[in-house]
Amino acid sequence: MPYKERGGWRASVKIGGARKQAWFPSKREALEWEGKTRKDLKTQRSKTATGLLRLSMEYLDYMERFSKSTYSHRKTLIRRIGSEWGDIEIQSIAPKMVLAYLDKRALVSGNAANEDLHDLKSMFSYFRKFHGITHNPMIHIDPYKHEVTPPYVPPKEDIAKLMLATRGQDRVMLEMFRYTPARRSEVLRLTWDDILFDRRLIRLKTQKNRKGQWKVYHVPMSTTLYGSLKDHYKGRDKESPYVFTHDGKPYTRREDWLPKLCKKAKIRPFGYHSFRRAFASEIMGSGRASMKDVSLLLGHSSTTHTERYLRSINPNLPGLVEMLDEKEIYPKDVPHES
């Protein structure tokens, strides 16, 4: 945005590491210049084949084949490093430059620094595979320390209160989260073709894998969910193929809906993924499901992934520790050393 200076207006534009400035007698001229210059800088490409700007934009185009969240993370990273380093030659990016950048990110959190370190390694892996660039300034940079906060698993009582606070389509959507392990994006993209009433199955589609390829998996409908979906189908929006719609269009995010609903129900706020954790925890805690069963329900590619997932949310760990007391390892009448 132009600002007053010496009886006129100073225009300034910065994209990545490039900055241009100019002085104009009127604000209108300054605004026009900024708009044109910003457009020119955005479309500008590096003069060399191994410049950061050109290669990072090419990498970003490549990342479009993956999930939206992955693409968004990489886009944000490229914007940050472009602002930090400018359009520099890839070979000129030194480990100390990367470390200085990551140290700034670590001021936000160790997790933030580690996420950017992971994404930078991914980008330089792309440079090596498709351009033969072996330079990797992150190879000797260790991960940052970070606090591991156990993920929150809402109790059944809170989920029940949440259900009582909704009705209509919102109630059906909540039941979809409650009685299936579906992720938010999987629920919002559901079409009626994915609801297999005759087989009592729901077809879910995800890109949650390293290659970003679409994967389909099926989960059974509970009796409650089956009935709710049947009723919802009768009153569906016949102009749309989607199960959940707003003004004739499918939802895209609904980021504010669940926090507001938690506040209305007067319970501790939690996110959509907490439903998935609660589902996995209850199924495994029932004692009726094997690790393979849970893995199939969650749509995981292996039981190893499922084991890691459950390890952090297992509600039975305190009970297992209490079993030590029940075994009376140390007789009461015999003193023991601590």
C-alpha atoms as a PDB file:
ATOM      1  CA  MET A   1       0.000   0.000   0.000  1.00  0.00           C
ATOM      2  CA  PRO A   2       1.484   3.419  -0.956  1.00  0.00           C
ATOM      3  CA  TYR A   3       2.417   5.864   1.806  1.00  0.00           C
ATOM      4  CA  LYS A   4       2.972   9.630   1.829  1.00  0.00           C
ATOM      5  CA  GLU A   5       6.511  10.875   1.381  1.00  0.00           C
ATOM      6  CA  ARG A   6       8.021  14.244   0.377  1.00  0.00           C
ATOM      7  CA  GLY A   7       4.757  15.679  -0.872  1.00  0.00           C
ATOM      8  CA  GLY A   8       3.948  12.596  -2.944  1.00  0.00           C
ATOM      9  CA  TRP A   9       3.399   8.854  -2.597  1.00  0.00           C
ATOM     10  CA  ARG A  10       5.973   6.115  -2.168  1.00  0.00           C
ATOM     11  CA  ALA A  11       4.996   2.806  -3.821  1.00  0.00           C
ATOM     12  CA  SER A  12       6.659  -0.382  -2.607  1.00  0.00           C
ATOM     13  CA  VAL A  13       6.301  -4.012  -3.680  1.00  0.00           C
ATOM     14  CA  LYS A  14       8.054  -7.102  -2.310  1.00  0.00           C
ATOM     15  CA  ILE A  15       7.554 -10.630  -3.617  1.00  0.00           C
ATOM     16  CA  GLY A  16       9.852 -13.303  -2.266  1.00  0.00           C
ATOM     17  CA  GLY A  17      13.224 -11.641  -1.806  1.00  0.00           C
ATOM     18  CA  ALA A  18      12.717  -9.021  -4.530  1.00  0.00           C
ATOM     19  CA  ARG A  19      11.681  -5.471  -3.601  1.00  0.00           C
ATOM     20  CA  LYS A  20      10.991  -2.522  -5.897  1.00  0.00           C
ATOM     21  CA  GLN A  21      10.103   1.053  -4.973  1.00  0.00           C
ATOM     22  CA  ALA A  22       9.088   4.196  -6.852  1.00  0.00           C
ATOM     23  CA  TRP A  23       7.788   7.710  -6.071  1.00  0.00           C
ATOM     24  CA  PHE A  24       4.663   9.237  -7.642  1.00  0.00           C
ATOM     25  CA  PRO A  25       2.872  12.556  -7.261  1.00  0.00           C
ATOM     26  CA  SER A  26      -0.538  10.878  -6.750  1.00  0.00           C
ATOM     27  CA  LYS A  27      -1.799   7.891  -4.821  1.00  0.00           C
ATOM     28  CA  ARG A  28      -3.674   6.579  -7.862  1.00  0.00           C
ATOM     29  CA  GLU A  29      -0.482   6.384  -9.914  1.00  0.00           C
ATOM     30  CA  ALA A  30       1.310   4.669  -7.043  1.00  0.00           C
ATOM     31  CA  LEU A  31      -1.454   2.067  -6.716  1.00  0.00           C
ATOM     32  CA  GLU A  32      -1.426   1.369 -10.457  1.00  0.00           C
ATOM     33  CA  TRP A  33       2.341   0.926 -10.415  1.00  0.00           C
ATOM     34  CA  GLU A  34       2.175  -1.444  -7.437  1.00  0.00           C
ATOM     35  CA  GLY A  35      -0.461  -3.590  -9.141  1.00  0.00           C
ATOM     36  CA  LYS A  36       1.499  -3.898 -12.363  1.00  0.00           C
ATOM     37  CA  THR A  37       4.825  -4.477 -10.619  1.00  0.00           C
ATOM     38  CA  ARG A  38       3.388  -7.104  -8.294  1.00  0.00           C
ATOM     39  CA  LYS A  39       1.980  -8.966 -11.295  1.00  0.00           C
ATOM     40  CA  ASP A  40       5.318  -8.793 -13.099  1.00  0.00           C
ATOM     41  CA  LEU A  41       7.203 -10.107 -10.073  1.00  0.00           C
ATOM     42  CA  LYS A  42       4.802 -12.993  -9.564  1.00  0.00           C
ATOM     43  CA  THR A  43       5.200 -14.161 -13.159  1.00  0.00           C
ATOM     44  CA  GLN A  44       8.945 -13.610 -13.167  1.00  0.00           C
ATOM     45  CA  ARG A  45      11.130 -16.702 -13.315  1.00  0.00           C
ATOM     46  CA  SER A  46      14.716 -17.205 -12.371  1.00  0.00           C
ATOM     47  CA  LYS A  47      17.283 -16.376 -15.044  1.00  0.00           C
ATOM     48  CA  THR A  48      19.064 -19.692 -14.400  1.00  0.00           C
ATOM     49  CA  ALA A  49      17.782 -23.265 -14.475  1.00  0.00           C
ATOM     50  CA  THR A  50      18.876 -23.896 -10.880  1.00  0.00           C
ATOM     51  CA  GLY A  51      17.514 -20.800  -9.158  1.00  0.00           C
ATOM     52  CA  LEU A  52      15.299 -21.219  -6.086  1.00  0.00           C
ATOM     53  CA  LEU A  53      12.340 -19.324  -7.552  1.00  0.00           C
ATOM     54  CA  ARG A  54      12.099 -21.358 -10.724  1.00  0.00           C
ATOM     55  CA  LEU A  55      12.676 -24.745  -9.126  1.00  0.00           C
ATOM     56  CA  SER A  56      10.405 -24.116  -6.148  1.00  0.00           C
ATOM     57  CA  MET A  57       7.560 -23.036  -8.453  1.00  0.00           C
ATOM     58  CA  GLU A  58       8.087 -26.172 -10.515  1.00  0.00           C
ATOM     59  CA  TYR A  59       8.050 -28.241  -7.325  1.00  0.00           C
ATOM     60  CA  LEU A  60       4.826 -26.541  -6.238  1.00  0.00           C
ATOM     61  CA  ASP A  61       3.217 -27.444  -9.570  1.00  0.00           C
ATOM     62  CA  TYR A  62       4.273 -31.040  -8.951  1.00  0.00           C
ATOM     63  CA  MET A  63       2.699 -30.995  -5.471  1.00  0.00           C
ATOM     64  CA  GLU A  64      -0.746 -30.210  -6.918  1.00  0.00           C
ATOM     65  CA  ARG A  65      -1.220 -33.937  -7.468  1.00  0.00           C
ATOM     66  CA  PHE A  66      -1.232 -34.480  -3.706  1.00  0.00           C
ATOM     67  CA  SER A  67      -3.805 -33.463  -1.096  1.00  0.00           C
ATOM     68  CA  LYS A  68      -4.868 -29.848  -0.645  1.00  0.00           C
ATOM     69  CA  SER A  69      -3.392 -29.663   2.845  1.00  0.00           C
ATOM     70  CA  THR A  70      -0.003 -30.972   1.643  1.00  0.00           C
ATOM     71  CA  TYR A  71      -0.003 -28.486  -1.234  1.00  0.00           C
ATOM     72  CA  SER A  72      -0.954 -25.654   1.104  1.00  0.00           C
ATOM     73  CA  HIS A  73       1.886 -26.494   3.533  1.00  0.00           C
ATOM     74  CA  ARG A  74       4.458 -26.529   0.728  1.00  0.00           C
ATOM     75  CA  LYS A  75       3.131 -23.285  -0.718  1.00  0.00           C
ATOM     76  CA  THR A  76       3.457 -21.555   2.657  1.00  0.00           C
ATOM     77  CA  LEU A  77       6.996 -22.892   3.070  1.00  0.00           C
ATOM     78  CA  ILE A  78       8.056 -21.633  -0.363  1.00  0.00           C
ATOM     79  CA  ARG A  79       6.652 -18.201   0.417  1.00  0.00           C
ATOM     80  CA  ARG A  80       8.618 -18.082   3.679  1.00  0.00           C
ATOM     81  CA  ILE A  81      11.969 -19.179   2.276  1.00  0.00           C
ATOM     82  CA  GLY A  82      11.507 -16.915  -0.734  1.00  0.00           C
ATOM     83  CA  SER A  83      11.089 -13.978   1.609  1.00  0.00           C
ATOM     84  CA  GLU A  84      14.087 -15.142   3.666  1.00  0.00           C
ATOM     85  CA  TRP A  85      16.585 -16.033   0.922  1.00  0.00           C
ATOM     86  CA  GLY A  86      15.350 -14.415  -2.278  1.00  0.00           C
ATOM     87  CA  ASP A  87      15.917 -15.962  -5.718  1.00  0.00           C
ATOM     88  CA  ILE A  88      19.220 -17.603  -4.841  1.00  0.00           C
ATOM     89  CA  GLU A  89      21.035 -20.406  -6.641  1.00  0.00           C
ATOM     90  CA  ILE A  90      20.189 -23.775  -5.059  1.00  0.00           C
ATOM     91  CA  GLN A  91      23.881 -24.586  -4.682  1.00  0.00           C
ATOM     92  CA  SER A  92      24.358 -21.355  -2.706  1.00  0.00           C
ATOM     93  CA  ILE A  93      21.913 -22.354   0.044  1.00  0.00           C
ATOM     94  CA  ALA A  94      24.241 -23.179   2.928  1.00  0.00           C
ATOM     95  CA  PRO A  95      23.427 -25.243   6.036  1.00  0.00           C
ATOM     96  CA  LYS A  96      23.880 -22.147   8.228  1.00  0.00           C
ATOM     97  CA  MET A  97      21.259 -20.296   6.171  1.00  0.00           C
ATOM     98  CA  VAL A  98      18.793 -23.123   6.687  1.00  0.00           C
ATOM     99  CA  LEU A  99      19.649 -23.336  10.372  1.00  0.00           C
ATOM    100  CA  ALA A 100      19.097 -19.592  10.845  1.00  0.00           C
ATOM    101  CA  TYR A 101      15.704 -19.869   9.143  1.00  0.00           C
ATOM    102  CA  LEU A 102      14.692 -22.901  11.228  1.00  0.00           C
ATOM    103  CA  ASP A 103      15.836 -21.179  14.440  1.00  0.00           C
ATOM    104  CA  LYS A 104      13.312 -18.429  13.686  1.00  0.00           C
ATOM    105  CA  ARG A 105      10.600 -21.020  13.153  1.00  0.00           C
ATOM    106  CA  ALA A 106      11.589 -22.693  16.431  1.00  0.00           C
ATOM    107  CA  LEU A 107      10.622 -19.464  18.205  1.00  0.00           C
ATOM    108  CA  VAL A 108       7.066 -20.388  17.216  1.00  0.00           C
ATOM    109  CA  SER A 109       7.530 -23.998  18.326  1.00  0.00           C
ATOM    110  CA  GLY A 110       9.818 -26.969  17.888  1.00  0.00           C
ATOM    111  CA  ASN A 111       7.039 -28.643  15.915  1.00  0.00           C
ATOM    112  CA  ALA A 112       6.895 -25.725  13.468  1.00  0.00           C
ATOM    113  CA  ALA A 113      10.660 -25.965  12.862  1.00  0.00           C
ATOM    114  CA  ASN A 114      10.505 -29.737  12.419  1.00  0.00           C
ATOM    115  CA  GLU A 115       7.623 -29.506   9.963  1.00  0.00           C
ATOM    116  CA  ASP A 116       9.554 -27.037   7.807  1.00  0.00           C
ATOM    117  CA  LEU A 117      12.689 -29.179   8.060  1.00  0.00           C
ATOM    118  CA  HIS A 118      10.693 -32.181   6.849  1.00  0.00           C
ATOM    119  CA  ASP A 119       9.164 -30.205   3.982  1.00  0.00           C
ATOM    120  CA  LEU A 120      12.542 -28.755   2.921  1.00  0.00           C
ATOM    121  CA  LYS A 121      14.007 -32.250   2.793  1.00  0.00           C
ATOM    122  CA  SER A 122      11.072 -33.331   0.644  1.00  0.00           C
ATOM    123  CA  MET A 123      11.621 -30.431  -1.752  1.00  0.00           C
ATOM    124  CA  PHE A 124      15.358 -31.097  -2.105  1.00  0.00           C
ATOM    125  CA  SER A 125      14.581 -34.772  -2.674  1.00  0.00           C
ATOM    126  CA  TYR A 126      12.470 -33.637  -5.639  1.00  0.00           C
ATOM    127  CA  PHE A 127      15.412 -31.553  -6.938  1.00  0.00           C
ATOM    128  CA  ARG A 128      17.653 -34.629  -6.739  1.00  0.00           C
ATOM    129  CA  LYS A 129      15.186 -36.981  -8.452  1.00  0.00           C
ATOM    130  CA  PHE A 130      14.149 -34.724 -11.318  1.00  0.00           C
ATOM    131  CA  HIS A 131      17.146 -32.399 -11.777  1.00  0.00           C
ATOM    132  CA  GLY A 132      20.080 -34.433 -10.517  1.00  0.00           C
ATOM    133  CA  ILE A 133      20.890 -31.788  -7.881  1.00  0.00           C
ATOM    134  CA  THR A 134      22.661 -33.622  -5.078  1.00  0.00           C
ATOM    135  CA  HIS A 135      23.215 -30.540  -2.917  1.00  0.00           C
ATOM    136  CA  ASN A 136      21.321 -30.974   0.368  1.00  0.00           C
ATOM    137  CA  PRO A 137      22.024 -28.358   3.084  1.00  0.00           C
ATOM    138  CA  MET A 138      19.669 -30.115   5.565  1.00  0.00           C
ATOM    139  CA  ILE A 139      21.502 -33.428   5.678  1.00  0.00           C
ATOM    140  CA  HIS A 140      23.301 -32.740   8.969  1.00  0.00           C
ATOM    141  CA  ILE A 141      20.579 -30.667  10.667  1.00  0.00           C
ATOM    142  CA  ASP A 142      19.005 -32.525  13.589  1.00  0.00           C
ATOM    143  CA  PRO A 143      15.314 -32.234  14.554  1.00  0.00           C
ATOM    144  CA  TYR A 144      14.376 -29.693  17.202  1.00  0.00           C
ATOM    145  CA  LYS A 145      13.165 -30.580  20.653  1.00  0.00           C
ATOM    146  CA  HIS A 146       9.427 -30.319  21.020  1.00  0.00           C
ATOM    147  CA  GLU A 147       6.758 -31.059  23.569  1.00  0.00           C
ATOM    148  CA  VAL A 148       4.589 -34.067  22.841  1.00  0.00           C
ATOM    149  CA  THR A 149       1.027 -33.378  23.938  1.00  0.00           C
ATOM    150  CA  PRO A 150      -1.205 -36.462  24.103  1.00  0.00           C
ATOM    151  CA  PRO A 151      -4.148 -36.056  21.699  1.00  0.00           C
ATOM    152  CA  TYR A 152      -7.485 -35.408  23.375  1.00  0.00           C
ATOM    153  CA  VAL A 153     -10.099 -38.159  23.203  1.00  0.00           C
ATOM    154  CA  PRO A 154     -13.555 -36.838  24.181  1.00  0.00           C
ATOM    155  CA  PRO A 155     -15.539 -39.030  26.602  1.00  0.00           C
ATOM    156  CA  LYS A 156     -18.814 -40.637  25.544  1.00  0.00           C
ATOM    157  CA  GLU A 157     -20.745 -38.304  27.822  1.00  0.00           C
ATOM    158  CA  ASP A 158     -19.499 -35.200  26.002  1.00  0.00           C
ATOM    159  CA  ILE A 159     -20.245 -36.689  22.601  1.00  0.00           C
ATOM    160  CA  ALA A 160     -23.789 -37.488  23.816  1.00  0.00           C
ATOM    161  CA  LYS A 161     -24.259 -33.856  24.915  1.00  0.00           C
ATOM    162  CA  LEU A 162     -23.065 -32.747  21.496  1.00  0.00           C
ATOM    163  CA  MET A 163     -25.657 -34.953  19.808  1.00  0.00           C
ATOM    164  CA  LEU A 164     -28.441 -33.503  21.931  1.00  0.00           C
ATOM    165  CA  ALA A 165     -27.449 -29.997  20.819  1.00  0.00           C
ATOM    166  CA  THR A 166     -28.132 -30.743  17.130  1.00  0.00           C
ATOM    167  CA  ARG A 167     -30.934 -31.816  14.862  1.00  0.00           C
ATOM    168  CA  GLY A 168     -31.677 -32.302  11.168  1.00  0.00           C
ATOM    169  CA  GLN A 169     -28.755 -32.522   8.771  1.00  0.00           C
ATOM    170  CA  ASP A 170     -26.275 -31.406  11.437  1.00  0.00           C
ATOM    171  CA  ARG A 171     -27.313 -34.318  13.646  1.00  0.00           C
ATOM    172  CA  VAL A 172     -26.796 -36.774  10.774  1.00  0.00           C
ATOM    173  CA  MET A 173     -23.360 -35.308  10.075  1.00  0.00           C
ATOM    174  CA  LEU A 174     -22.383 -35.676  13.732  1.00  0.00           C
ATOM    175  CA  GLU A 175     -23.566 -39.282  13.706  1.00  0.00           C
ATOM    176  CA  MET A 176     -21.389 -39.878  10.655  1.00  0.00           C
ATOM    177  CA  PHE A 177     -18.377 -38.716  12.666  1.00  0.00           C
ATOM    178  CA  ARG A 178     -19.537 -40.616  15.775  1.00  0.00           C
ATOM    179  CA  TYR A 179     -20.235 -44.000  14.217  1.00  0.00           C
ATOM    180  CA  THR A 180     -17.514 -44.105  11.539  1.00  0.00           C
ATOM    181  CA  PRO A 181     -13.782 -43.313  11.514  1.00  0.00           C
ATOM    182  CA  ALA A 182     -14.234 -40.894   8.614  1.00  0.00           C
ATOM    183  CA  ARG A 183     -12.034 -37.812   8.412  1.00  0.00           C
ATOM    184  CA  ARG A 184     -13.678 -34.417   7.897  1.00  0.00           C
ATOM    185  CA  SER A 185     -12.741 -34.202   4.205  1.00  0.00           C
ATOM    186  CA  GLU A 186     -14.086 -37.722   3.619  1.00  0.00           C
ATOM    187  CA  VAL A 187     -17.453 -36.846   5.160  1.00  0.00           C
ATOM    188  CA  LEU A 188     -17.830 -33.542   3.331  1.00  0.00           C
ATOM    189  CA  ARG A 189     -17.133 -35.082  -0.076  1.00  0.00           C
ATOM    190  CA  LEU A 190     -19.613 -37.964   0.379  1.00  0.00           C
ATOM    191  CA  THR A 191     -22.162 -38.414  -2.391  1.00  0.00           C
ATOM    192  CA  TRP A 192     -25.262 -40.584  -2.266  1.00  0.00           C
ATOM    193  CA  ASP A 193     -23.495 -43.075  -4.537  1.00  0.00           C
ATOM    194  CA  ASP A 194     -21.119 -43.665  -1.609  1.00  0.00           C
ATOM    195  CA  ILE A 195     -23.993 -44.660   0.700  1.00  0.00           C
ATOM    196  CA  LEU A 196     -24.588 -48.324  -0.075  1.00  0.00           C
ATOM    197  CA  PHE A 197     -27.870 -48.924   1.721  1.00  0.00           C
ATOM    198  CA  ASP A 198     -28.351 -52.429   0.301  1.00  0.00           C
ATOM    199  CA  ARG A 199     -25.018 -53.580   1.774  1.00  0.00           C
ATOM    200  CA  ARG A 200     -25.118 -51.254   4.802  1.00  0.00           C
ATOM    201  CA  LEU A 201     -21.715 -49.867   3.867  1.00  0.00           C
ATOM    202  CA  ILE A 202     -20.246 -46.381   3.419  1.00  0.00           C
ATOM    203  CA  ARG A 203     -17.573 -45.894   0.786  1.00  0.00           C
ATOM    204  CA  LEU A 204     -14.859 -43.472   1.903  1.00  0.00           C
ATOM    205  CA  LYS A 205     -12.129 -41.964  -0.259  1.00  0.00           C
ATOM    206  CA  THR A 206      -8.855 -40.551   1.014  1.00  0.00           C
ATOM    207  CA  GLN A 207      -5.531 -39.238  -0.286  1.00  0.00           C
ATOM    208  CA  LYS A 208      -3.881 -39.750   3.105  1.00  0.00           C
ATOM    209  CA  ASN A 209      -0.814 -41.581   1.823  1.00  0.00           C
ATOM    210  CA  ARG A 210       2.713 -40.772   0.677  1.00  0.00           C
ATOM    211  CA  LYS A 211       1.912 -40.871  -3.026  1.00  0.00           C
ATOM    212  CA  GLY A 212      -1.236 -38.774  -2.708  1.00  0.00           C
ATOM    213  CA  GLN A 213      -3.205 -41.355  -4.684  1.00  0.00           C
ATOM    214  CA  TRP A 214      -6.899 -41.871  -4.076  1.00  0.00           C
ATOM    215  CA  LYS A 215      -7.668 -44.875  -1.909  1.00  0.00           C
ATOM    216  CA  VAL A 216     -11.142 -46.306  -1.335  1.00  0.00           C
ATOM    217  CA  TYR A 217     -12.177 -48.205   1.777  1.00  0.00           C
ATOM    218  CA  HIS A 218     -15.540 -49.274   3.179  1.00  0.00           C
ATOM    219  CA  VAL A 219     -16.947 -49.056   6.694  1.00  0.00           C
ATOM    220  CA  PRO A 220     -20.208 -50.627   7.919  1.00  0.00           C
ATOM    221  CA  MET A 221     -23.189 -48.570   9.052  1.00  0.00           C
ATOM    222  CA  SER A 222     -24.443 -48.915  12.587  1.00  0.00           C
ATOM    223  CA  THR A 223     -28.193 -49.374  13.029  1.00  0.00           C
ATOM    224  CA  THR A 224     -28.515 -45.799  14.317  1.00  0.00           C
ATOM    225  CA  LEU A 225     -26.596 -44.304  11.411  1.00  0.00           C
ATOM    226  CA  TYR A 226     -28.469 -46.439   8.877  1.00  0.00           C
ATOM    227  CA  GLY A 227     -31.814 -45.124  10.115  1.00  0.00           C
ATOM    228  CA  SER A 228     -30.653 -41.517  10.198  1.00  0.00           C
ATOM    229  CA  LEU A 229     -29.246 -41.694   6.668  1.00  0.00           C
ATOM    230  CA  LYS A 230     -32.450 -43.283   5.389  1.00  0.00           C
ATOM    231  CA  ASP A 231     -34.487 -40.387   6.809  1.00  0.00           C
ATOM    232  CA  HIS A 232     -31.972 -37.837   5.522  1.00  0.00           C
ATOM    233  CA  TYR A 233     -32.159 -39.398   2.053  1.00  0.00           C
ATOM    234  CA  LYS A 234     -35.926 -38.883   1.919  1.00  0.00           C
ATOM    235  CA  GLY A 235     -35.519 -35.157   2.531  1.00  0.00           C
ATOM    236  CA  ARG A 236     -32.299 -34.769   0.515  1.00  0.00           C
ATOM    237  CA  ASP A 237     -31.493 -31.956  -1.881  1.00  0.00           C
ATOM    238  CA  LYS A 238     -32.440 -33.683  -5.143  1.00  0.00           C
ATOM    239  CA  GLU A 239     -30.511 -31.121  -7.180  1.00  0.00           C
ATOM    240  CA  SER A 240     -27.200 -32.161  -5.611  1.00  0.00           C
ATOM    241  CA  PRO A 241     -25.418 -35.541  -5.514  1.00  0.00           C
ATOM    242  CA  TYR A 242     -23.789 -34.693  -2.170  1.00  0.00           C
ATOM    243  CA  VAL A 243     -25.010 -36.051   1.146  1.00  0.00           C
ATOM    244  CA  PHE A 244     -24.399 -32.830   3.093  1.00  0.00           C
ATOM    245  CA  THR A 245     -25.180 -29.527   1.395  1.00  0.00           C
ATOM    246  CA  HIS A 246     -25.596 -25.828   2.126  1.00  0.00           C
ATOM    247  CA  ASP A 247     -27.506 -23.672  -0.350  1.00  0.00           C
ATOM    248  CA  GLY A 248     -27.263 -26.476  -2.890  1.00  0.00           C
ATOM    249  CA  LYS A 249     -23.477 -26.830  -2.609  1.00  0.00           C
ATOM    250  CA  PRO A 250     -21.307 -29.238  -0.609  1.00  0.00           C
ATOM    251  CA  TYR A 251     -19.526 -27.956   2.474  1.00  0.00           C
ATOM    252  CA  THR A 252     -15.814 -27.350   2.077  1.00  0.00           C
ATOM    253  CA  ARG A 253     -14.420 -26.833   5.606  1.00  0.00           C
ATOM    254  CA  ARG A 254     -16.996 -26.015   8.318  1.00  0.00           C
ATOM    255  CA  GLU A 255     -14.162 -24.929  10.598  1.00  0.00           C
ATOM    256  CA  ASP A 256     -16.274 -22.845  12.980  1.00  0.00           C
ATOM    257  CA  TRP A 257     -19.210 -25.234  13.270  1.00  0.00           C
ATOM    258  CA  LEU A 258     -17.810 -27.783  15.737  1.00  0.00           C
ATOM    259  CA  PRO A 259     -16.206 -25.264  18.170  1.00  0.00           C
ATOM    260  CA  LYS A 260     -19.498 -23.349  18.327  1.00  0.00           C
ATOM    261  CA  LEU A 261     -21.391 -26.576  18.875  1.00  0.00           C
ATOM    262  CA  CYS A 262     -19.084 -27.562  21.750  1.00  0.00           C
ATOM    263  CA  LYS A 263     -19.675 -24.172  23.340  1.00  0.00           C
ATOM    264  CA  LYS A 264     -23.427 -24.601  22.947  1.00  0.00           C
ATOM    265  CA  ALA A 265     -23.259 -28.047  24.576  1.00  0.00           C
ATOM    266  CA  LYS A 266     -21.018 -26.641  27.359  1.00  0.00           C
ATOM    267  CA  ILE A 267     -18.261 -29.208  26.883  1.00  0.00           C
ATOM    268  CA  ARG A 268     -14.517 -29.021  26.333  1.00  0.00           C
ATOM    269  CA  PRO A 269     -13.864 -28.000  22.691  1.00  0.00           C
ATOM    270  CA  PHE A 270     -12.343 -30.584  20.378  1.00  0.00           C
ATOM    271  CA  GLY A 271     -11.715 -30.999  16.660  1.00  0.00           C
ATOM    272  CA  TYR A 272     -13.105 -33.315  14.008  1.00  0.00           C
ATOM    273  CA  HIS A 273     -10.217 -35.761  14.239  1.00  0.00           C
ATOM    274  CA  SER A 274     -11.047 -36.375  17.902  1.00  0.00           C
ATOM    275  CA  PHE A 275     -14.077 -38.350  16.713  1.00  0.00           C
ATOM    276  CA  ARG A 276     -11.741 -40.649  14.769  1.00  0.00           C
ATOM    277  CA  ARG A 277      -9.547 -41.164  17.831  1.00  0.00           C
ATOM    278  CA  ALA A 278     -12.612 -41.878  19.992  1.00  0.00           C
ATOM    279  CA  PHE A 279     -13.881 -44.387  17.422  1.00  0.00           C
ATOM    280  CA  ALA A 280     -10.552 -46.245  17.278  1.00  0.00           C
ATOM    281  CA  SER A 281     -10.173 -46.188  21.057  1.00  0.00           C
ATOM    282  CA  GLU A 282     -13.649 -47.592  21.719  1.00  0.00           C
ATOM    283  CA  ILE A 283     -13.406 -50.286  19.043  1.00  0.00           C
ATOM    284  CA  MET A 284     -10.035 -51.494  20.300  1.00  0.00           C
ATOM    285  CA  GLY A 285     -11.085 -51.193  23.931  1.00  0.00           C
ATOM    286  CA  SER A 286     -14.121 -53.414  23.348  1.00  0.00           C
ATOM    287  CA  GLY A 287     -11.892 -56.482  23.273  1.00  0.00           C
ATOM    288  CA  ARG A 288     -13.840 -57.810  20.284  1.00  0.00           C
ATOM    289  CA  ALA A 289     -11.653 -56.418  17.508  1.00  0.00           C
ATOM    290  CA  SER A 290      -8.204 -57.488  16.358  1.00  0.00           C
ATOM    291  CA  MET A 291      -5.519 -55.036  15.281  1.00  0.00           C
ATOM    292  CA  LYS A 292      -6.213 -56.044  11.690  1.00  0.00           C
ATOM    293  CA  ASP A 293      -9.929 -55.247  12.134  1.00  0.00           C
ATOM    294  CA  VAL A 294      -9.170 -51.763  13.459  1.00  0.00           C
ATOM    295  CA  SER A 295      -6.630 -51.186  10.699  1.00  0.00           C
ATOM    296  CA  LEU A 296      -9.214 -52.028   8.027  1.00  0.00           C
ATOM    297  CA  LEU A 297     -11.835 -49.779   9.635  1.00  0.00           C
ATOM    298  CA  LEU A 298      -9.421 -46.843   9.815  1.00  0.00           C
ATOM    299  CA  GLY A 299      -8.333 -47.338   6.208  1.00  0.00           C
ATOM    300  CA  HIS A 300      -4.682 -47.746   7.193  1.00  0.00           C
ATOM    301  CA  SER A 301      -2.249 -49.381   4.795  1.00  0.00           C
ATOM    302  CA  SER A 302      -0.697 -51.524   7.541  1.00  0.00           C
ATOM    303  CA  THR A 303      -1.251 -52.627  11.124  1.00  0.00           C
ATOM    304  CA  THR A 304       2.064 -50.981  12.025  1.00  0.00           C
ATOM    305  CA  HIS A 305       0.498 -47.609  11.270  1.00  0.00           C
ATOM    306  CA  THR A 306      -2.533 -48.553  13.361  1.00  0.00           C
ATOM    307  CA  GLU A 307      -0.360 -49.625  16.292  1.00  0.00           C
ATOM    308  CA  ARG A 308       1.411 -46.252  16.290  1.00  0.00           C
ATOM    309  CA  TYR A 309      -1.935 -44.487  16.067  1.00  0.00           C
ATOM    310  CA  LEU A 310      -3.450 -46.388  19.004  1.00  0.00           C
ATOM    311  CA  ARG A 311      -0.362 -46.191  21.191  1.00  0.00           C
ATOM    312  CA  SER A 312      -0.822 -42.478  21.800  1.00  0.00           C
ATOM    313  CA  ILE A 313      -4.553 -42.624  22.578  1.00  0.00           C
ATOM    314  CA  ASN A 314      -4.962 -45.922  24.443  1.00  0.00           C
ATOM    315  CA  PRO A 315      -7.180 -45.141  27.484  1.00  0.00           C
ATOM    316  CA  ASN A 316      -6.372 -48.473  29.146  1.00  0.00           C
ATOM    317  CA  LEU A 317      -2.755 -47.713  30.016  1.00  0.00           C
ATOM    318  CA  PRO A 318      -3.566 -46.422  33.556  1.00  0.00           C
ATOM    319  CA  GLY A 319      -5.546 -49.603  34.193  1.00  0.00           C
ATOM    320  CA  LEU A 320      -2.636 -51.754  33.086  1.00  0.00           C
ATOM    321  CA  VAL A 321      -0.385 -50.010  35.592  1.00  0.00           C
ATOM    322  CA  GLU A 322      -2.921 -50.655  38.369  1.00  0.00           C
ATOM    323  CA  MET A 323      -2.637 -54.383  37.621  1.00  0.00           C
ATOM    324  CA  LEU A 324       0.854 -54.284  39.123  1.00  0.00           C
ATOM    325  CA  ASP A 325      -0.651 -53.481  42.524  1.00  0.00           C
ATOM    326  CA  GLU A 326      -3.119 -56.333  42.196  1.00  0.00           C
ATOM    327  CA  LYS A 327      -0.292 -58.809  41.617  1.00  0.00           C
ATOM    328  CA  GLU A 328       1.355 -57.804  44.927  1.00  0.00           C
ATOM    329  CA  ILE A 329       4.862 -58.212  43.556  1.00  0.00           C
ATOM    330  CA  TYR A 330       6.307 -57.259  46.961  1.00  0.00           C
ATOM    331  CA  PRO A 331       4.815 -59.108  49.970  1.00  0.00           C
ATOM    332  CA  LYS A 332       3.419 -56.629  52.503  1.00  0.00           C
ATOM    333  CA  ASP A 333       5.445 -57.991  55.425  1.00  0.00           C
ATOM    334  CA  VAL A 334       8.800 -57.847  53.609  1.00  0.00           C
ATOM    335  CA  PRO A 335      10.404 -54.402  53.268  1.00  0.00           C
ATOM    336  CA  HIS A 336      11.948 -53.664  49.897  1.00  0.00           C
ATOM    337  CA  GLU A 337      14.405 -51.128  48.569  1.00  0.00           C
ATOM    338  CA  SER A 338      13.176 -48.368  46.353  1.00  0.00           C
END
